[in-house]
């Protein structure tokens, strides 16, 4: 990016067309430098950060259903099929929040999935 003129006045630049990270929260590690046309450094900013994205994306598609019995008072299983709009990274996880009317107790024996999921056994 060339300044185009000799100046000590305030400069403003807008950079468009970059993709936000796949997470909400602060993004850090930006550094701004001014250089001569030969590449010699004139000035360097401290490490800068952006407040970050604050709006998580919706799932592309989600299906939620019983996987076996749906009888009142019986232990059951449910199935969640998720299609993501953005990729997940290593060590990402899904959190499932149960309503108060669902008892989560020692009868819950595991969580099983496909693709990136690894079985999680309880107890």
Protein backbone atom coordinates (compact mmCIF):
# COMPACT_ATOMS: atom_id res chain seq x y z
CA UNK A 1 0.00 0.00 0.00
CA UNK A 2 1.63 3.26 -1.04
CA UNK A 3 0.87 6.52 0.75
CA UNK A 4 1.23 8.54 -2.45
CA UNK A 5 2.50 11.70 -0.74
CA UNK A 6 4.88 13.04 1.89
CA UNK A 7 2.84 13.55 5.02
CA UNK A 8 2.78 13.30 8.78
CA UNK A 9 -0.99 13.74 8.77
CA UNK A 10 -3.33 11.06 10.00
CA UNK A 11 -3.88 8.26 7.49
CA UNK A 12 -6.97 6.04 7.24
CA UNK A 13 -7.11 2.75 5.36
CA UNK A 14 -9.98 0.30 4.92
CA UNK A 15 -9.16 -3.29 4.02
CA UNK A 16 -12.06 -5.24 2.51
CA UNK A 17 -12.64 -8.80 1.45
CA UNK A 18 -11.06 -10.81 4.24
CA UNK A 19 -12.85 -13.69 5.94
CA UNK A 20 -13.51 -13.48 9.68
CA UNK A 21 -12.20 -16.33 11.84
CA UNK A 22 -14.54 -19.24 12.65
CA UNK A 23 -14.90 -18.19 16.28
CA UNK A 24 -16.27 -15.31 18.29
CA UNK A 25 -13.97 -13.27 20.49
CA UNK A 26 -10.85 -11.16 20.25
CA UNK A 27 -8.40 -11.66 17.37
CA UNK A 28 -4.82 -10.62 18.08
CA UNK A 29 -1.50 -10.62 16.26
CA UNK A 30 -1.94 -7.72 13.82
CA UNK A 31 1.15 -5.53 13.27
CA UNK A 32 1.32 -2.40 11.13
CA UNK A 33 4.61 -1.16 9.67
CA UNK A 34 5.60 1.87 7.66
CA UNK A 35 8.50 1.28 5.28
CA UNK A 36 10.53 3.11 2.71
CA UNK A 37 10.10 2.11 -0.91
CA UNK A 38 13.26 0.01 -0.46
CA UNK A 39 11.66 -1.96 2.39
CA UNK A 40 13.45 -0.30 5.32
CA UNK A 41 11.24 -0.07 8.38
CA UNK A 42 10.34 3.44 9.56
CA UNK A 43 7.75 2.70 12.21
CA UNK A 44 6.16 -0.35 13.83
CA UNK A 45 2.94 -0.60 15.83
CA UNK A 46 2.61 -2.68 18.95
CA UNK A 47 0.72 -5.95 18.47
CA UNK A 48 -2.87 -4.95 17.74
CA UNK A 49 -6.13 -6.79 18.24
CA UNK A 50 -9.69 -6.50 17.02
CA UNK A 51 -12.53 -6.79 19.49
CA UNK A 52 -13.62 -9.68 17.34
CA UNK A 53 -16.69 -11.17 15.86
CA UNK A 54 -19.58 -11.35 18.26
CA UNK A 55 -22.31 -13.07 16.27
CA UNK A 56 -22.01 -16.84 15.91
CA UNK A 57 -23.26 -18.34 12.67
CA UNK A 58 -26.33 -20.54 12.45
CA UNK A 59 -26.04 -24.16 11.41
CA UNK A 60 -26.66 -24.78 7.72
CA UNK A 61 -29.12 -27.53 8.67
CA UNK A 62 -29.96 -29.34 11.89
CA UNK A 63 -32.22 -32.36 12.50
CA UNK A 64 -33.12 -33.45 16.01
CA UNK A 65 -35.18 -36.59 16.70
CA UNK A 66 -35.61 -39.63 18.93
CA UNK A 67 -33.36 -42.49 17.84
CA UNK A 68 -35.40 -45.23 19.52
CA UNK A 69 -38.38 -45.06 21.88
CA UNK A 70 -40.30 -41.88 22.56
CA UNK A 71 -42.41 -43.41 25.35
CA UNK A 72 -43.08 -41.37 28.47
CA UNK A 73 -40.75 -42.14 31.41
CA UNK A 74 -38.49 -44.59 29.52
CA UNK A 75 -34.78 -44.22 28.86
CA UNK A 76 -34.19 -43.32 25.28
CA UNK A 77 -31.70 -41.88 22.81
CA UNK A 78 -31.92 -38.96 20.47
CA UNK A 79 -30.06 -38.18 17.31
CA UNK A 80 -28.68 -34.85 16.08
CA UNK A 81 -27.61 -34.37 12.45
CA UNK A 82 -25.74 -31.11 11.90
CA UNK A 83 -24.56 -29.51 8.68
CA UNK A 84 -22.12 -26.69 9.38
CA UNK A 85 -21.81 -23.36 7.53
CA UNK A 86 -18.21 -22.99 8.71
CA UNK A 87 -15.59 -25.68 9.30
CA UNK A 88 -14.75 -26.92 12.77
CA UNK A 89 -11.14 -27.04 13.91
CA UNK A 90 -9.31 -29.67 15.92
CA UNK A 91 -10.42 -29.61 19.57
CA UNK A 92 -13.72 -27.86 18.79
CA UNK A 93 -16.70 -29.35 20.59
CA UNK A 94 -20.48 -29.26 20.67
CA UNK A 95 -22.36 -28.48 23.85
CA UNK A 96 -25.83 -29.92 24.36
CA UNK A 97 -27.96 -28.22 26.98
CA UNK A 98 -30.84 -30.29 28.33
CA UNK A 99 -34.08 -28.71 29.54
CA UNK A 100 -34.87 -29.22 33.24
CA UNK A 101 -37.54 -31.81 32.39
CA UNK A 102 -34.88 -34.24 31.10
CA UNK A 103 -33.03 -36.20 33.79
CA UNK A 104 -29.34 -36.70 33.11
CA UNK A 105 -28.21 -39.44 35.48
CA UNK A 106 -26.02 -42.56 35.68
CA UNK A 107 -28.13 -44.25 33.00
CA UNK A 108 -26.53 -41.98 30.39
CA UNK A 109 -23.80 -44.32 29.19
CA UNK A 110 -22.24 -42.62 26.21
CA UNK A 111 -22.13 -40.24 23.33
CA UNK A 112 -21.44 -41.58 19.87
CA UNK A 113 -20.93 -39.78 16.60
CA UNK A 114 -19.57 -39.94 13.08
CA UNK A 115 -17.04 -37.95 11.09
CA UNK A 116 -14.88 -35.98 13.53
CA UNK A 117 -16.56 -37.32 16.67
CA UNK A 118 -14.92 -39.87 18.91
CA UNK A 119 -17.02 -42.03 21.26
CA UNK A 120 -17.35 -40.65 24.79
CA UNK A 121 -18.24 -43.22 27.44
CA UNK A 122 -19.56 -42.26 30.85
CA UNK A 123 -19.18 -44.19 34.07
